[in-house]
Each structure stands twice: as C-alpha cells, then as structure tokens.
Amino acid sequence: MGVHAPPPKPTIAGGIWLALVVTVPLAGLLGGYELIRWLVG
C-alpha cells in the first residue's frame, strides 16, 4: 500500500507567491485599461 503523507502546511513564502500570482495579472489588466483610457480620451 502507499504511504499517505499529511497535506502540506501553508507557509509565508507560499502565501506571498499566491498573492503575487493573483495580484500581478489584475494589476496588469487595470493598468492596461487605464492606459487605453488615457490614450483614447
């Protein structure tokens, strides 16, 4: 039979990485939107 390891515990580094993964694309979308608005209008 297989060895069942406990699920990994969340770490500070994992939290920072997850925050960056969520924040960077969102910031890029908002920044691009503002840039287009500024260029158009």
C-alpha atoms as a PDB file:
ATOM      1  CA  MET A   1       0.000   0.000   0.000  1.00  0.00           C
ATOM      2  CA  GLY A   2       1.065   3.616  -0.420  1.00  0.00           C
ATOM      3  CA  VAL A   3       2.319   5.948   2.243  1.00  0.00           C
ATOM      4  CA  HIS A   4      -0.175   8.707   2.998  1.00  0.00           C
ATOM      5  CA  ALA A   5       1.532  11.986   3.816  1.00  0.00           C
ATOM      6  CA  PRO A   6      -0.382  14.773   5.543  1.00  0.00           C
ATOM      7  CA  PRO A   7      -1.328  17.740   3.346  1.00  0.00           C
ATOM      8  CA  PRO A   8       1.359  20.435   3.179  1.00  0.00           C
ATOM      9  CA  LYS A   9       1.061  23.255   5.677  1.00  0.00           C
ATOM     10  CA  PRO A  10       0.716  26.774   4.259  1.00  0.00           C
ATOM     11  CA  THR A  11       3.880  28.845   4.580  1.00  0.00           C
ATOM     12  CA  ILE A  12       4.714  32.540   4.418  1.00  0.00           C
ATOM     13  CA  ALA A  13       6.505  32.023   1.094  1.00  0.00           C
ATOM     14  CA  GLY A  14       3.516  30.155  -0.304  1.00  0.00           C
ATOM     15  CA  GLY A  15       1.210  32.966   0.768  1.00  0.00           C
ATOM     16  CA  ILE A  16       3.433  35.596  -0.836  1.00  0.00           C
ATOM     17  CA  TRP A  17       3.650  33.561  -4.045  1.00  0.00           C
ATOM     18  CA  LEU A  18      -0.123  33.129  -4.164  1.00  0.00           C
ATOM     19  CA  ALA A  19      -0.668  36.848  -3.544  1.00  0.00           C
ATOM     20  CA  LEU A  20       1.708  37.726  -6.392  1.00  0.00           C
ATOM     21  CA  VAL A  21       0.060  35.256  -8.778  1.00  0.00           C
ATOM     22  CA  VAL A  22      -3.330  36.865  -8.077  1.00  0.00           C
ATOM     23  CA  THR A  23      -2.184  40.498  -7.926  1.00  0.00           C
ATOM     24  CA  VAL A  24       0.181  40.822 -10.905  1.00  0.00           C
ATOM     25  CA  PRO A  25      -2.308  39.874 -13.670  1.00  0.00           C
ATOM     26  CA  LEU A  26      -5.003  42.009 -12.041  1.00  0.00           C
ATOM     27  CA  ALA A  27      -2.659  44.996 -11.839  1.00  0.00           C
ATOM     28  CA  GLY A  28      -1.699  44.457 -15.479  1.00  0.00           C
ATOM     29  CA  LEU A  29      -5.329  44.430 -16.571  1.00  0.00           C
ATOM     30  CA  LEU A  30      -6.183  47.562 -14.610  1.00  0.00           C
ATOM     31  CA  GLY A  31      -3.024  49.317 -15.785  1.00  0.00           C
ATOM     32  CA  GLY A  32      -3.727  48.426 -19.408  1.00  0.00           C
ATOM     33  CA  TYR A  33      -7.298  49.635 -19.082  1.00  0.00           C
ATOM     34  CA  GLU A  34      -6.168  52.975 -17.631  1.00  0.00           C
ATOM     35  CA  LEU A  35      -3.509  53.340 -20.330  1.00  0.00           C
ATOM     36  CA  ILE A  36      -6.073  52.764 -23.083  1.00  0.00           C
ATOM     37  CA  ARG A  37      -8.463  55.238 -21.452  1.00  0.00           C
ATOM     38  CA  TRP A  38      -5.655  57.793 -21.218  1.00  0.00           C
ATOM     39  CA  LEU A  39      -4.608  57.269 -24.854  1.00  0.00           C
ATOM     40  CA  VAL A  40      -8.157  57.404 -26.205  1.00  0.00           C
ATOM     41  CA  GLY A  41      -9.540  60.164 -24.191  1.00  0.00           C
END
